[in-house]
C-alpha atoms as a PDB file:
ATOM      1  CA  MET A   1     -19.281  11.793 -14.328  1.00  0.00           C
ATOM      2  CA  LEU A   2     -17.099   9.371 -13.065  1.00  0.00           C
ATOM      3  CA  GLN A   3     -18.324   5.724 -13.056  1.00  0.00           C
ATOM      4  CA  ASP A   4     -17.679   3.886  -9.387  1.00  0.00           C
ATOM      5  CA  LYS A   5     -14.487   1.843 -11.088  1.00  0.00           C
ATOM      6  CA  GLU A   6     -12.485   5.331 -12.006  1.00  0.00           C
ATOM      7  CA  MET A   7     -13.419   6.966  -8.523  1.00  0.00           C
ATOM      8  CA  VAL A   8     -12.107   3.886  -6.335  1.00  0.00           C
ATOM      9  CA  ASN A   9      -9.285   3.641  -8.412  1.00  0.00           C
ATOM     10  CA  ASP A  10      -8.732   7.623  -8.337  1.00  0.00           C
ATOM     11  CA  TYR A  11      -8.904   7.089  -4.638  1.00  0.00           C
ATOM     12  CA  LEU A  12      -7.055   4.089  -4.467  1.00  0.00           C
ATOM     13  CA  ALA A  13      -4.044   5.931  -5.995  1.00  0.00           C
ATOM     14  CA  GLY A  14      -4.275   8.883  -3.840  1.00  0.00           C
ATOM     15  CA  ILE A  15      -3.916   6.696  -0.555  1.00  0.00           C
ATOM     16  CA  ASN A  16      -1.310   5.132  -2.015  1.00  0.00           C
ATOM     17  CA  ALA A  17       0.507   7.805  -2.885  1.00  0.00           C
ATOM     18  CA  SER A  18       0.007   9.157   0.509  1.00  0.00           C
ATOM     19  CA  LEU A  19       1.222   5.809   2.116  1.00  0.00           C
ATOM     20  CA  THR A  20       4.614   6.616   0.130  1.00  0.00           C
ATOM     21  CA  GLY A  21       4.783  10.022   1.558  1.00  0.00           C
ATOM     22  CA  TYR A  22       4.208   8.613   5.278  1.00  0.00           C
ATOM     23  CA  ALA A  23       7.095   6.108   4.868  1.00  0.00           C
ATOM     24  CA  ASN A  24       9.357   8.849   3.659  1.00  0.00           C
ATOM     25  CA  ILE A  25       8.691  11.208   6.541  1.00  0.00           C
ATOM     26  CA  ILE A  26       8.212   8.742   9.158  1.00  0.00           C
ATOM     27  CA  ALA A  27      11.974   7.697   8.080  1.00  0.00           C
ATOM     28  CA  GLN A  28      13.111  11.455   8.461  1.00  0.00           C
ATOM     29  CA  THR A  29      11.389  12.534  11.839  1.00  0.00           C
ATOM     30  CA  ASN A  30      13.702  12.697  14.635  1.00  0.00           C
ATOM     31  CA  ASN A  31      10.762  13.733  17.042  1.00  0.00           C
ATOM     32  CA  THR A  32       9.020  11.104  18.601  1.00  0.00           C
ATOM     33  CA  GLU A  33       5.398  12.645  19.415  1.00  0.00           C
ATOM     34  CA  LEU A  34       5.281  13.938  16.012  1.00  0.00           C
ATOM     35  CA  ARG A  35       6.792   9.952  14.463  1.00  0.00           C
ATOM     36  CA  GLN A  36       4.046   8.245  16.515  1.00  0.00           C
ATOM     37  CA  THR A  37       1.192  10.575  14.961  1.00  0.00           C
ATOM     38  CA  LEU A  38       2.489  10.060  11.607  1.00  0.00           C
ATOM     39  CA  ILE A  39       2.282   6.488  11.953  1.00  0.00           C
ATOM     40  CA  GLN A  40      -1.113   6.302  13.163  1.00  0.00           C
ATOM     41  CA  LEU A  41      -2.376   8.352  10.677  1.00  0.00           C
ATOM     42  CA  ARG A  42      -0.366   6.167   7.941  1.00  0.00           C
ATOM     43  CA  ASN A  43      -1.707   2.784   9.930  1.00  0.00           C
ATOM     44  CA  GLN A  44      -5.109   4.791   9.306  1.00  0.00           C
ATOM     45  CA  ASP A  45      -4.524   5.052   5.729  1.00  0.00           C
ATOM     46  CA  GLU A  46      -3.329   1.149   5.295  1.00  0.00           C
ATOM     47  CA  SER A  47      -6.689   0.013   6.894  1.00  0.00           C
ATOM     48  CA  ARG A  48      -8.722   2.415   4.603  1.00  0.00           C
ATOM     49  CA  GLN A  49      -6.843   1.104   1.350  1.00  0.00           C
ATOM     50  CA  ARG A  50      -7.770  -2.552   2.537  1.00  0.00           C
ATOM     51  CA  THR A  51     -11.000  -1.722   2.789  1.00  0.00           C
ATOM     52  CA  LEU A  52     -10.917   0.035  -0.446  1.00  0.00           C
ATOM     53  CA  TYR A  53      -9.058  -2.449  -2.046  1.00  0.00           C
ATOM     54  CA  ASN A  54     -11.073  -5.009  -0.938  1.00  0.00           C
ATOM     55  CA  LEU A  55     -14.498  -3.691  -2.290  1.00  0.00           C
ATOM     56  CA  ALA A  56     -12.737  -3.029  -5.500  1.00  0.00           C
ATOM     57  CA  LEU A  57     -12.041  -6.816  -5.758  1.00  0.00           C
ATOM     58  CA  GLN A  58     -15.605  -7.709  -4.781  1.00  0.00           C
ATOM     59  CA  LYS A  59     -17.293  -5.343  -7.751  1.00  0.00           C
ATOM     60  CA  GLY A  60     -14.475  -6.568 -10.195  1.00  0.00           C
ATOM     61  CA  HIS A  61     -12.759  -3.128 -10.353  1.00  0.00           C
ATOM     62  CA  TYR A  62      -9.516  -4.587  -9.794  1.00  0.00           C
ATOM     63  CA  GLN A  63      -8.122  -7.775 -11.161  1.00  0.00           C
ATOM     64  CA  PRO A  64      -4.998  -8.476  -9.121  1.00  0.00           C
ATOM     65  CA  ALA A  65      -1.652  -9.961 -10.320  1.00  0.00           C
ATOM     66  CA  ALA A  66      -1.192 -13.912 -10.522  1.00  0.00           C
ATOM     67  CA  PRO A  67       0.498 -15.238  -7.646  1.00  0.00           C
ATOM     68  CA  ALA A  68       4.107 -15.696  -8.180  1.00  0.00           C
ATOM     69  CA  SER A  69       5.192 -19.187  -8.365  1.00  0.00           C
ATOM     70  CA  ASP A  70       7.156 -20.812  -5.356  1.00  0.00           C
ATOM     71  CA  GLU A  71      10.645 -20.853  -7.316  1.00  0.00           C
ATOM     72  CA  VAL A  72      10.009 -17.363  -8.176  1.00  0.00           C
ATOM     73  CA  ILE A  73       9.525 -16.460  -4.440  1.00  0.00           C
ATOM     74  CA  GLN A  74      12.439 -18.493  -3.715  1.00  0.00           C
ATOM     75  CA  GLN A  75      14.695 -16.546  -6.094  1.00  0.00           C
ATOM     76  CA  LEU A  76      13.657 -13.109  -4.354  1.00  0.00           C
ATOM     77  CA  LYS A  77      14.133 -14.480  -1.196  1.00  0.00           C
ATOM     78  CA  ASN A  78      17.712 -15.790  -2.125  1.00  0.00           C
ATOM     79  CA  GLN A  79      18.257 -12.273  -3.705  1.00  0.00           C
ATOM     80  CA  LEU A  80      17.456  -9.987  -0.797  1.00  0.00           C
ATOM     81  CA  MET A  81      19.156 -12.564   1.414  1.00  0.00           C
ATOM     82  CA  SER A  82      22.540 -11.944  -0.284  1.00  0.00           C
ATOM     83  CA  GLU A  83      22.302  -8.457  -0.420  1.00  0.00           C
ATOM     84  CA  GLN A  84      22.277  -8.122   3.048  1.00  0.00           C
END
């Protein structure tokens, strides 16, 4: 039988895969009505993902990575700006 942590992580993995799929499909959709529907579905999944993430964090099922230093953030910003 699956434990809470395994179920939460499995569900989060599924939602994250779904969000990636929505991003790819939305970018390629020409029909405005379909695009808006897909955006709404993606937004619902993003909300569901955040709720589940917060639950996993509270229960200790998820340990986020340490925050990036200001130096690393600035380096990344500089790199992204130079690629434009």
